[in-house]
Amino acid sequence: MAQFARPDSDISVTAFGGYGWRASTGSSDPLYPTIDEVVADDTDYARFRGGDSEAGYSYYKLGLSDIDEPSDKSTLSIRIRVQNTSDYGDLRLYEGSTLIKRFNGPSQGFPTGSKRNIDFAIPESDAENITDYTDLNLWIGIDDDSLGYAYIYQVYLEAGDASGGDSGTTDKKTFNIVKDMGSEFNLISVDMCP
């Protein structure tokens, strides 16, 4: 069963004046709720406005929801719906503060372009370095070389089944059910499927 780690927190948002990262819903709103959808919604997004500073990449750092360790490490992929017509992108996967994989600029699959979906497959050799699937985060950077805009509409990490079982899908939006077992109560976690 496929698993999905979706944005669940803002870790760091680079913004300066009217430039940098903002939520489409308002300048003081968190960004992650605008890009965490199961089905992409292009009416809300995280927006970057360049300041033409030539200072390198400006990053939005976000936490991902927990998933279980996949049985097949070759199944990890970051999927992003993005529009960045002026400046290159940089996408990084971290476990805590440890860099797992970086996709930087056109040579690594993040050139400029109109609105599109990009799939960044994590090589199995990099995925093998992940030890804690509850501590994953993404850095999304846009090169601040112009006064252009970039938009992130959706982003998530997809991984294969933890147990090698069925081929359905699971979003790890978990809630708990208490099961009455006579005089004992057991706490059961249930994964909600999209």
N, C-alpha and C. Protein backbone atom coordinates (compact mmCIF):
# COMPACT_ATOMS: atom_id res chain seq x y z
N MET A 1 0.84 -1.16 0.00
CA MET A 1 0.00 0.00 0.00
C MET A 1 0.90 1.24 0.00
N ALA A 2 0.71 2.12 -0.94
CA ALA A 2 1.50 3.36 -1.00
C ALA A 2 1.23 4.22 0.23
N GLN A 3 2.25 4.89 0.70
CA GLN A 3 2.16 5.81 1.83
C GLN A 3 2.53 7.20 1.35
N PHE A 4 1.94 8.22 2.00
CA PHE A 4 2.19 9.60 1.61
C PHE A 4 2.55 10.44 2.83
N ALA A 5 3.70 11.07 2.79
CA ALA A 5 4.11 12.03 3.83
C ALA A 5 3.82 13.42 3.26
N ARG A 6 2.85 14.10 3.86
CA ARG A 6 2.42 15.40 3.35
C ARG A 6 2.87 16.51 4.32
N PRO A 7 2.95 17.75 3.83
CA PRO A 7 3.34 18.85 4.70
C PRO A 7 2.44 18.94 5.93
N ASP A 8 3.08 19.06 7.12
CA ASP A 8 2.28 19.20 8.34
C ASP A 8 2.79 20.31 9.26
N SER A 9 3.82 21.05 8.83
CA SER A 9 4.31 22.17 9.63
C SER A 9 5.24 23.04 8.81
N ASP A 10 5.31 24.31 9.19
CA ASP A 10 6.32 25.22 8.65
C ASP A 10 7.49 25.21 9.62
N ILE A 11 8.69 24.93 9.12
CA ILE A 11 9.89 24.96 9.96
C ILE A 11 10.55 26.33 9.87
N SER A 12 10.69 26.83 8.65
CA SER A 12 11.34 28.13 8.44
C SER A 12 10.83 28.72 7.13
N VAL A 13 10.44 29.99 7.18
CA VAL A 13 9.92 30.68 6.00
C VAL A 13 10.75 31.94 5.79
N THR A 14 11.49 32.01 4.68
CA THR A 14 12.29 33.18 4.36
C THR A 14 11.39 34.23 3.73
N ALA A 15 11.26 35.38 4.39
CA ALA A 15 10.47 36.49 3.86
C ALA A 15 11.13 37.79 4.30
N PHE A 16 11.12 38.77 3.41
CA PHE A 16 11.71 40.07 3.71
C PHE A 16 10.91 41.12 2.96
N GLY A 17 10.25 42.01 3.72
CA GLY A 17 9.38 42.99 3.09
C GLY A 17 8.32 42.30 2.28
N GLY A 18 8.13 42.72 1.05
CA GLY A 18 7.16 42.09 0.16
C GLY A 18 7.73 40.93 -0.61
N TYR A 19 8.96 40.54 -0.30
CA TYR A 19 9.65 39.50 -1.05
C TYR A 19 9.75 38.22 -0.22
N GLY A 20 10.14 37.15 -0.88
CA GLY A 20 10.29 35.87 -0.20
C GLY A 20 9.02 35.05 -0.29
N TRP A 21 8.85 34.17 0.69
CA TRP A 21 7.75 33.20 0.70
C TRP A 21 6.53 33.73 1.44
N ARG A 22 5.35 33.48 0.89
CA ARG A 22 4.07 33.86 1.49
C ARG A 22 3.02 32.81 1.14
N ALA A 23 2.02 32.70 1.98
CA ALA A 23 0.85 31.87 1.66
C ALA A 23 -0.11 32.68 0.80
N SER A 24 -0.78 32.02 -0.12
CA SER A 24 -1.77 32.72 -0.95
C SER A 24 -2.91 33.26 -0.12
N THR A 25 -3.12 32.71 1.06
CA THR A 25 -4.24 33.09 1.92
C THR A 25 -3.94 34.30 2.78
N GLY A 26 -2.69 34.76 2.83
CA GLY A 26 -2.34 35.93 3.62
C GLY A 26 -0.90 35.88 4.08
N SER A 27 -0.31 37.05 4.28
CA SER A 27 1.13 37.13 4.56
C SER A 27 1.52 36.52 5.90
N SER A 28 0.61 36.48 6.85
CA SER A 28 0.97 35.92 8.16
C SER A 28 0.46 34.49 8.36
N ASP A 29 -0.19 33.94 7.34
CA ASP A 29 -0.72 32.59 7.44
C ASP A 29 0.38 31.55 7.24
N PRO A 30 0.24 30.37 7.86
CA PRO A 30 1.20 29.30 7.59
C PRO A 30 1.08 28.86 6.12
N LEU A 31 2.20 28.39 5.58
CA LEU A 31 2.22 27.98 4.18
C LEU A 31 1.77 26.54 3.97
N TYR A 32 2.11 25.64 4.91
CA TYR A 32 1.91 24.21 4.64
C TYR A 32 0.47 23.83 4.33
N PRO A 33 -0.58 24.48 4.95
CA PRO A 33 -1.95 24.07 4.58
C PRO A 33 -2.32 24.38 3.13
N THR A 34 -1.55 25.24 2.47
CA THR A 34 -1.86 25.59 1.08
C THR A 34 -1.29 24.59 0.09
N ILE A 35 -0.44 23.65 0.56
CA ILE A 35 0.21 22.72 -0.37
C ILE A 35 0.12 21.27 0.09
N ASP A 36 -0.75 20.97 1.05
CA ASP A 36 -0.81 19.62 1.63
C ASP A 36 -1.96 18.77 1.11
N GLU A 37 -2.63 19.22 0.05
CA GLU A 37 -3.82 18.52 -0.42
C GLU A 37 -3.52 17.13 -0.97
N VAL A 38 -4.51 16.26 -0.85
CA VAL A 38 -4.44 14.94 -1.47
C VAL A 38 -4.59 15.10 -2.98
N VAL A 39 -5.51 15.95 -3.40
CA VAL A 39 -5.69 16.31 -4.81
C VAL A 39 -5.27 17.77 -4.93
N ALA A 40 -4.36 18.06 -5.85
CA ALA A 40 -3.84 19.42 -6.00
C ALA A 40 -4.96 20.42 -6.21
N ASP A 41 -4.85 21.56 -5.51
CA ASP A 41 -5.80 22.66 -5.63
C ASP A 41 -4.99 23.89 -6.01
N ASP A 42 -5.10 24.31 -7.26
CA ASP A 42 -4.29 25.43 -7.74
C ASP A 42 -4.80 26.79 -7.28
N THR A 43 -5.89 26.84 -6.51
CA THR A 43 -6.39 28.12 -6.02
C THR A 43 -5.69 28.56 -4.75
N ASP A 44 -5.01 27.66 -4.07
CA ASP A 44 -4.17 28.06 -2.93
C ASP A 44 -2.77 27.51 -3.15
N TYR A 45 -1.78 28.21 -2.62
CA TYR A 45 -0.39 27.89 -2.94
C TYR A 45 0.55 28.62 -2.00
N ALA A 46 1.80 28.20 -2.03
CA ALA A 46 2.89 28.94 -1.40
C ALA A 46 3.56 29.72 -2.52
N ARG A 47 3.72 31.03 -2.33
CA ARG A 47 4.26 31.89 -3.39
C ARG A 47 5.61 32.45 -2.98
N PHE A 48 6.53 32.46 -3.93
CA PHE A 48 7.82 33.12 -3.73
C PHE A 48 7.93 34.29 -4.67
N ARG A 49 8.34 35.45 -4.14
CA ARG A 49 8.62 36.61 -4.99
C ARG A 49 10.08 36.97 -4.81
N GLY A 50 10.82 36.94 -5.91
CA GLY A 50 12.24 37.23 -5.87
C GLY A 50 12.52 38.70 -5.61
N GLY A 51 13.65 38.95 -4.98
CA GLY A 51 14.07 40.32 -4.70
C GLY A 51 15.24 40.76 -5.55
N ASP A 52 15.63 39.93 -6.54
CA ASP A 52 16.74 40.22 -7.43
C ASP A 52 18.02 40.50 -6.64
N SER A 53 18.22 39.72 -5.59
CA SER A 53 19.35 39.97 -4.68
C SER A 53 20.63 39.29 -5.12
N GLU A 54 20.52 38.31 -6.04
CA GLU A 54 21.69 37.52 -6.45
C GLU A 54 22.36 36.86 -5.24
N ALA A 55 21.59 36.61 -4.19
CA ALA A 55 22.14 36.06 -2.95
C ALA A 55 22.04 34.54 -2.88
N GLY A 56 21.60 33.89 -3.96
CA GLY A 56 21.43 32.45 -3.93
C GLY A 56 19.99 32.09 -3.68
N TYR A 57 19.78 30.87 -3.20
CA TYR A 57 18.42 30.36 -3.00
C TYR A 57 17.79 30.90 -1.73
N SER A 58 16.48 31.18 -1.81
CA SER A 58 15.67 31.50 -0.63
C SER A 58 14.79 30.28 -0.37
N TYR A 59 14.83 29.78 0.86
CA TYR A 59 14.21 28.50 1.18
C TYR A 59 12.95 28.63 2.02
N TYR A 60 12.05 27.72 1.72
CA TYR A 60 10.90 27.42 2.57
C TYR A 60 11.14 26.00 3.09
N LYS A 61 11.21 25.85 4.41
CA LYS A 61 11.49 24.55 5.03
C LYS A 61 10.23 24.08 5.73
N LEU A 62 9.82 22.83 5.43
CA LEU A 62 8.57 22.32 5.95
C LEU A 62 8.72 20.90 6.47
N GLY A 63 7.96 20.59 7.51
CA GLY A 63 7.93 19.25 8.06
C GLY A 63 6.93 18.38 7.31
N LEU A 64 7.19 17.08 7.32
CA LEU A 64 6.29 16.11 6.67
C LEU A 64 5.64 15.21 7.71
N SER A 65 4.44 14.76 7.41
CA SER A 65 3.74 13.82 8.29
C SER A 65 4.49 12.49 8.33
N ASP A 66 4.26 11.74 9.38
CA ASP A 66 4.96 10.46 9.61
C ASP A 66 4.48 9.38 8.65
N ILE A 67 5.42 8.56 8.20
CA ILE A 67 5.09 7.33 7.50
C ILE A 67 5.94 6.22 8.10
N ASP A 68 5.61 4.99 7.75
CA ASP A 68 6.39 3.85 8.20
C ASP A 68 7.51 3.58 7.19
N GLU A 69 8.57 2.94 7.65
CA GLU A 69 9.67 2.60 6.76
C GLU A 69 9.18 1.66 5.66
N PRO A 70 9.38 2.02 4.40
CA PRO A 70 8.92 1.14 3.33
C PRO A 70 9.79 -0.10 3.21
N SER A 71 9.18 -1.21 2.84
CA SER A 71 9.95 -2.45 2.68
C SER A 71 10.84 -2.38 1.44
N ASP A 72 10.46 -1.59 0.44
CA ASP A 72 11.25 -1.43 -0.79
C ASP A 72 11.70 0.02 -0.86
N LYS A 73 12.97 0.27 -0.58
CA LYS A 73 13.49 1.64 -0.54
C LYS A 73 13.55 2.31 -1.91
N SER A 74 13.40 1.54 -2.98
CA SER A 74 13.43 2.13 -4.32
C SER A 74 12.12 2.83 -4.67
N THR A 75 11.14 2.82 -3.77
CA THR A 75 9.82 3.39 -4.05
C THR A 75 9.68 4.84 -3.62
N LEU A 76 10.70 5.44 -3.01
CA LEU A 76 10.59 6.81 -2.52
C LEU A 76 10.66 7.82 -3.65
N SER A 77 9.74 8.78 -3.62
CA SER A 77 9.70 9.82 -4.63
C SER A 77 9.07 11.07 -4.04
N ILE A 78 9.62 12.23 -4.38
CA ILE A 78 9.02 13.51 -4.00
C ILE A 78 8.27 14.01 -5.22
N ARG A 79 7.02 14.36 -5.02
CA ARG A 79 6.20 14.88 -6.12
C ARG A 79 5.80 16.31 -5.78
N ILE A 80 6.00 17.19 -6.75
CA ILE A 80 5.74 18.61 -6.53
C ILE A 80 5.02 19.19 -7.74
N ARG A 81 4.03 20.01 -7.48
CA ARG A 81 3.34 20.77 -8.53
C ARG A 81 3.83 22.20 -8.37
N VAL A 82 4.46 22.73 -9.42
CA VAL A 82 5.20 23.99 -9.29
C VAL A 82 5.13 24.81 -10.57
N GLN A 83 5.28 26.11 -10.41
CA GLN A 83 5.48 27.03 -11.54
C GLN A 83 6.60 27.97 -11.14
N ASN A 84 7.70 27.95 -11.88
CA ASN A 84 8.83 28.85 -11.62
C ASN A 84 9.42 29.26 -12.96
N THR A 85 8.82 30.27 -13.57
CA THR A 85 9.20 30.65 -14.93
C THR A 85 10.45 31.51 -14.99
N SER A 86 10.89 32.08 -13.87
CA SER A 86 12.03 33.00 -13.90
C SER A 86 13.33 32.40 -13.36
N ASP A 87 13.25 31.62 -12.30
CA ASP A 87 14.47 31.18 -11.62
C ASP A 87 14.42 29.69 -11.30
N TYR A 88 15.61 29.08 -11.27
CA TYR A 88 15.74 27.65 -10.98
C TYR A 88 15.27 27.32 -9.57
N GLY A 89 14.97 26.03 -9.38
CA GLY A 89 14.58 25.54 -8.08
C GLY A 89 15.63 24.63 -7.47
N ASP A 90 15.50 24.43 -6.17
CA ASP A 90 16.37 23.52 -5.41
C ASP A 90 15.47 22.80 -4.41
N LEU A 91 15.47 21.49 -4.45
CA LEU A 91 14.63 20.69 -3.57
C LEU A 91 15.54 19.75 -2.78
N ARG A 92 15.37 19.76 -1.44
CA ARG A 92 16.21 18.94 -0.58
C ARG A 92 15.34 18.12 0.37
N LEU A 93 15.71 16.86 0.55
CA LEU A 93 15.06 15.99 1.53
C LEU A 93 16.03 15.80 2.68
N TYR A 94 15.55 16.08 3.89
CA TYR A 94 16.34 15.90 5.10
C TYR A 94 15.66 14.91 6.03
N GLU A 95 16.47 14.21 6.81
CA GLU A 95 16.01 13.51 8.00
C GLU A 95 16.60 14.29 9.16
N GLY A 96 15.74 15.01 9.89
CA GLY A 96 16.25 15.93 10.91
C GLY A 96 17.13 16.96 10.23
N SER A 97 18.40 17.04 10.63
CA SER A 97 19.34 17.99 10.03
C SER A 97 20.30 17.32 9.05
N THR A 98 20.05 16.05 8.72
CA THR A 98 20.92 15.30 7.81
C THR A 98 20.36 15.32 6.39
N LEU A 99 21.14 15.85 5.46
CA LEU A 99 20.71 15.87 4.06
C LEU A 99 20.71 14.46 3.49
N ILE A 100 19.56 14.06 2.92
CA ILE A 100 19.43 12.74 2.30
C ILE A 100 19.64 12.86 0.79
N LYS A 101 18.99 13.85 0.16
CA LYS A 101 19.10 14.00 -1.30
C LYS A 101 18.79 15.44 -1.69
N ARG A 102 19.53 15.94 -2.68
CA ARG A 102 19.32 17.29 -3.20
C ARG A 102 19.11 17.23 -4.71
N PHE A 103 18.12 17.98 -5.19
CA PHE A 103 17.85 18.15 -6.61
C PHE A 103 17.98 19.64 -6.91
N ASN A 104 19.06 20.04 -7.57
CA ASN A 104 19.41 21.44 -7.71
C ASN A 104 19.50 21.85 -9.17
N GLY A 105 18.61 22.76 -9.59
CA GLY A 105 18.68 23.35 -10.91
C GLY A 105 18.35 22.40 -12.05
N PRO A 106 18.57 22.87 -13.28
CA PRO A 106 18.16 22.10 -14.46
C PRO A 106 18.89 20.78 -14.63
N SER A 107 20.13 20.69 -14.22
CA SER A 107 20.87 19.44 -14.42
C SER A 107 20.35 18.31 -13.53
N GLN A 108 19.61 18.68 -12.47
CA GLN A 108 19.07 17.67 -11.57
C GLN A 108 17.54 17.69 -11.53
N GLY A 109 16.93 18.23 -12.59
CA GLY A 109 15.49 18.11 -12.75
C GLY A 109 14.64 19.25 -12.25
N PHE A 110 15.24 20.41 -11.85
CA PHE A 110 14.43 21.52 -11.35
C PHE A 110 14.73 22.81 -12.12
N PRO A 111 14.52 22.78 -13.46
CA PRO A 111 14.73 23.98 -14.26
C PRO A 111 13.55 24.95 -14.11
N THR A 112 13.60 26.07 -14.81
CA THR A 112 12.45 26.95 -14.87
C THR A 112 11.37 26.30 -15.73
N GLY A 113 10.12 26.72 -15.53
CA GLY A 113 9.05 26.17 -16.34
C GLY A 113 7.69 26.67 -15.92
N SER A 114 6.72 26.47 -16.80
CA SER A 114 5.34 26.82 -16.49
C SER A 114 4.77 25.78 -15.51
N LYS A 115 3.53 25.94 -15.15
CA LYS A 115 2.91 25.04 -14.16
C LYS A 115 3.00 23.60 -14.62
N ARG A 116 3.54 22.73 -13.73
CA ARG A 116 3.74 21.34 -14.09
C ARG A 116 3.93 20.50 -12.84
N ASN A 117 3.84 19.19 -13.01
CA ASN A 117 4.12 18.24 -11.95
C ASN A 117 5.51 17.66 -12.20
N ILE A 118 6.33 17.61 -11.16
CA ILE A 118 7.67 17.04 -11.28
C ILE A 118 7.77 15.89 -10.28
N ASP A 119 8.37 14.80 -10.72
CA ASP A 119 8.58 13.63 -9.87
C ASP A 119 10.09 13.47 -9.67
N PHE A 120 10.53 13.60 -8.42
CA PHE A 120 11.93 13.42 -8.07
C PHE A 120 12.10 12.07 -7.38
N ALA A 121 12.58 11.07 -8.11
CA ALA A 121 12.79 9.74 -7.54
C ALA A 121 14.04 9.77 -6.65
N ILE A 122 13.89 9.26 -5.43
CA ILE A 122 15.02 9.18 -4.50
C ILE A 122 15.76 7.87 -4.80
N PRO A 123 17.04 7.94 -5.17
CA PRO A 123 17.78 6.70 -5.42
C PRO A 123 17.79 5.81 -4.18
N GLU A 124 17.68 4.51 -4.40
CA GLU A 124 17.65 3.57 -3.29
C GLU A 124 18.86 3.73 -2.38
N SER A 125 20.03 4.02 -2.96
CA SER A 125 21.24 4.18 -2.14
C SER A 125 21.11 5.36 -1.17
N ASP A 126 20.37 6.42 -1.55
CA ASP A 126 20.13 7.54 -0.64
C ASP A 126 19.04 7.19 0.36
N ALA A 127 17.99 6.52 -0.10
CA ALA A 127 16.89 6.13 0.79
C ALA A 127 17.37 5.20 1.90
N GLU A 128 18.38 4.40 1.61
CA GLU A 128 18.94 3.49 2.64
C GLU A 128 19.51 4.24 3.83
N ASN A 129 19.83 5.54 3.66
CA ASN A 129 20.39 6.34 4.75
C ASN A 129 19.33 6.87 5.71
N ILE A 130 18.07 6.71 5.37
CA ILE A 130 16.99 7.19 6.25
C ILE A 130 16.75 6.15 7.35
N THR A 131 16.81 6.60 8.60
CA THR A 131 16.56 5.70 9.73
C THR A 131 15.29 6.03 10.49
N ASP A 132 14.77 7.26 10.32
CA ASP A 132 13.59 7.69 11.06
C ASP A 132 12.61 8.38 10.12
N TYR A 133 11.58 7.67 9.71
CA TYR A 133 10.59 8.21 8.77
C TYR A 133 9.58 9.12 9.46
N THR A 134 9.77 9.39 10.74
CA THR A 134 8.93 10.35 11.46
C THR A 134 9.63 11.70 11.59
N ASP A 135 10.82 11.85 11.01
CA ASP A 135 11.60 13.09 11.15
C ASP A 135 12.05 13.63 9.80
N LEU A 136 11.20 13.47 8.78
CA LEU A 136 11.56 13.93 7.43
C LEU A 136 11.07 15.36 7.22
N ASN A 137 11.87 16.13 6.49
CA ASN A 137 11.47 17.48 6.12
C ASN A 137 12.02 17.84 4.75
N LEU A 138 11.39 18.81 4.13
CA LEU A 138 11.78 19.27 2.81
C LEU A 138 12.20 20.73 2.87
N TRP A 139 13.19 21.07 2.05
CA TRP A 139 13.55 22.45 1.79
C TRP A 139 13.25 22.71 0.33
N ILE A 140 12.45 23.74 0.07
CA ILE A 140 12.16 24.15 -1.30
C ILE A 140 12.80 25.52 -1.49
N GLY A 141 13.72 25.62 -2.42
CA GLY A 141 14.41 26.88 -2.66
C GLY A 141 14.19 27.38 -4.08
N ILE A 142 14.12 28.69 -4.21
CA ILE A 142 14.06 29.33 -5.52
C ILE A 142 15.23 30.31 -5.57
N ASP A 143 15.99 30.25 -6.67
CA ASP A 143 17.15 31.11 -6.84
C ASP A 143 16.69 32.56 -6.94
N ASP A 144 17.22 33.42 -6.08
CA ASP A 144 16.77 34.81 -6.00
C ASP A 144 17.56 35.69 -6.97
N ASP A 145 17.41 35.38 -8.27
CA ASP A 145 18.16 36.11 -9.29
C ASP A 145 17.31 37.09 -10.09
N SER A 146 16.06 37.25 -9.75
CA SER A 146 15.20 38.16 -10.52
C SER A 146 14.09 38.68 -9.60
N LEU A 147 13.20 39.45 -10.17
CA LEU A 147 12.01 39.90 -9.45
C LEU A 147 10.81 39.02 -9.79
N GLY A 148 11.10 37.81 -10.27
CA GLY A 148 10.05 36.89 -10.70
C GLY A 148 9.33 36.21 -9.55
N TYR A 149 8.31 35.45 -9.92
CA TYR A 149 7.49 34.72 -8.96
C TYR A 149 7.64 33.22 -9.19
N ALA A 150 7.40 32.47 -8.14
CA ALA A 150 7.30 31.02 -8.22
C ALA A 150 6.14 30.60 -7.34
N TYR A 151 5.49 29.49 -7.70
CA TYR A 151 4.32 29.01 -6.98
C TYR A 151 4.46 27.51 -6.73
N ILE A 152 4.22 27.09 -5.50
CA ILE A 152 4.16 25.68 -5.15
C ILE A 152 2.70 25.39 -4.83
N TYR A 153 2.09 24.45 -5.55
CA TYR A 153 0.67 24.13 -5.38
C TYR A 153 0.46 22.87 -4.55
N GLN A 154 1.40 21.97 -4.60
CA GLN A 154 1.28 20.70 -3.88
C GLN A 154 2.67 20.08 -3.79
N VAL A 155 2.95 19.42 -2.68
CA VAL A 155 4.19 18.66 -2.55
C VAL A 155 3.96 17.53 -1.55
N TYR A 156 4.55 16.37 -1.81
CA TYR A 156 4.48 15.25 -0.87
C TYR A 156 5.55 14.24 -1.21
N LEU A 157 5.84 13.40 -0.26
CA LEU A 157 6.75 12.27 -0.48
C LEU A 157 5.91 11.01 -0.54
N GLU A 158 6.13 10.22 -1.56
CA GLU A 158 5.42 8.94 -1.70
C GLU A 158 6.40 7.80 -1.45
N ALA A 159 5.95 6.79 -0.74
CA ALA A 159 6.77 5.61 -0.45
C ALA A 159 5.90 4.37 -0.58
N GLY A 160 6.55 3.27 -0.81
CA GLY A 160 5.83 2.00 -0.92
C GLY A 160 5.36 1.49 0.43
N ASP A 161 4.73 0.35 0.39
CA ASP A 161 4.16 -0.30 1.56
C ASP A 161 5.24 -0.66 2.58
N ALA A 162 4.88 -0.50 3.83
CA ALA A 162 5.81 -0.86 4.91
C ALA A 162 5.93 -2.37 5.06
N SER A 163 4.88 -3.10 4.73
CA SER A 163 4.90 -4.55 4.97
C SER A 163 4.97 -5.38 3.69
N GLY A 164 4.97 -4.71 2.54
CA GLY A 164 4.97 -5.45 1.28
C GLY A 164 3.61 -6.03 0.96
N GLY A 165 2.55 -5.47 1.56
CA GLY A 165 1.20 -6.01 1.42
C GLY A 165 0.48 -5.54 0.18
N ASP A 166 -0.79 -5.16 0.34
CA ASP A 166 -1.64 -4.87 -0.82
C ASP A 166 -1.20 -3.61 -1.54
N SER A 167 -1.85 -3.34 -2.67
CA SER A 167 -1.43 -2.25 -3.54
C SER A 167 -2.33 -1.04 -3.44
N GLY A 168 -3.07 -0.89 -2.37
CA GLY A 168 -3.90 0.30 -2.18
C GLY A 168 -3.05 1.50 -1.82
N THR A 169 -3.71 2.57 -1.33
CA THR A 169 -2.97 3.76 -0.92
C THR A 169 -3.37 4.15 0.49
N THR A 170 -2.43 4.75 1.19
CA THR A 170 -2.69 5.21 2.55
C THR A 170 -2.13 6.60 2.73
N ASP A 171 -2.96 7.48 3.27
CA ASP A 171 -2.49 8.77 3.75
C ASP A 171 -2.39 8.62 5.24
N LYS A 172 -1.26 8.93 5.82
CA LYS A 172 -1.03 8.69 7.24
C LYS A 172 -1.67 9.82 8.05
N LYS A 173 -2.97 9.99 7.89
CA LYS A 173 -3.74 10.88 8.73
C LYS A 173 -4.45 9.95 9.69
N THR A 174 -3.83 9.73 10.82
CA THR A 174 -4.22 8.66 11.73
C THR A 174 -5.13 9.18 12.83
N PHE A 175 -6.13 8.39 13.18
CA PHE A 175 -6.89 8.66 14.38
C PHE A 175 -6.95 7.38 15.19
N ASN A 176 -7.34 7.50 16.43
CA ASN A 176 -7.32 6.36 17.33
C ASN A 176 -8.74 5.91 17.67
N ILE A 177 -8.91 4.61 17.77
CA ILE A 177 -10.16 4.00 18.19
C ILE A 177 -9.86 3.15 19.41
N VAL A 178 -10.72 3.22 20.39
CA VAL A 178 -10.56 2.35 21.55
C VAL A 178 -11.47 1.15 21.35
N LYS A 179 -10.90 -0.04 21.39
CA LYS A 179 -11.64 -1.28 21.20
C LYS A 179 -11.87 -1.91 22.57
N ASP A 180 -13.12 -2.18 22.88
CA ASP A 180 -13.50 -2.78 24.15
C ASP A 180 -13.28 -4.29 24.05
N MET A 181 -12.39 -4.81 24.87
CA MET A 181 -12.08 -6.24 24.87
C MET A 181 -12.44 -6.80 26.25
N GLY A 182 -13.72 -6.73 26.59
CA GLY A 182 -14.13 -7.17 27.92
C GLY A 182 -13.68 -6.15 28.95
N SER A 183 -12.78 -6.56 29.84
CA SER A 183 -12.31 -5.64 30.87
C SER A 183 -11.08 -4.85 30.41
N GLU A 184 -10.58 -5.14 29.19
CA GLU A 184 -9.41 -4.43 28.68
C GLU A 184 -9.81 -3.53 27.52
N PHE A 185 -9.07 -2.47 27.37
CA PHE A 185 -9.25 -1.58 26.23
C PHE A 185 -7.96 -1.54 25.44
N ASN A 186 -8.06 -1.70 24.15
CA ASN A 186 -6.89 -1.62 23.28
C ASN A 186 -7.02 -0.39 22.40
N LEU A 187 -5.91 0.32 22.24
CA LEU A 187 -5.87 1.48 21.39
C LEU A 187 -5.44 1.02 19.99
N ILE A 188 -6.27 1.32 19.00
CA ILE A 188 -5.99 0.90 17.64
C ILE A 188 -5.83 2.14 16.78
N SER A 189 -4.76 2.22 16.00
CA SER A 189 -4.58 3.33 15.06
C SER A 189 -5.13 2.89 13.72
N VAL A 190 -5.87 3.80 13.09
CA VAL A 190 -6.47 3.51 11.79
C VAL A 190 -5.97 4.55 10.81
N ASP A 191 -5.46 4.11 9.66
CA ASP A 191 -5.02 5.02 8.62
C ASP A 191 -6.21 5.34 7.73
N MET A 192 -6.39 6.61 7.45
CA MET A 192 -7.48 7.06 6.57
C MET A 192 -6.97 7.08 5.15
N CYS A 193 -7.67 6.40 4.26
CA CYS A 193 -7.29 6.36 2.85
C CYS A 193 -7.98 7.49 2.11
N PRO A 194 -7.32 8.04 1.07
CA PRO A 194 -7.94 9.13 0.33
C PRO A 194 -9.18 8.67 -0.42
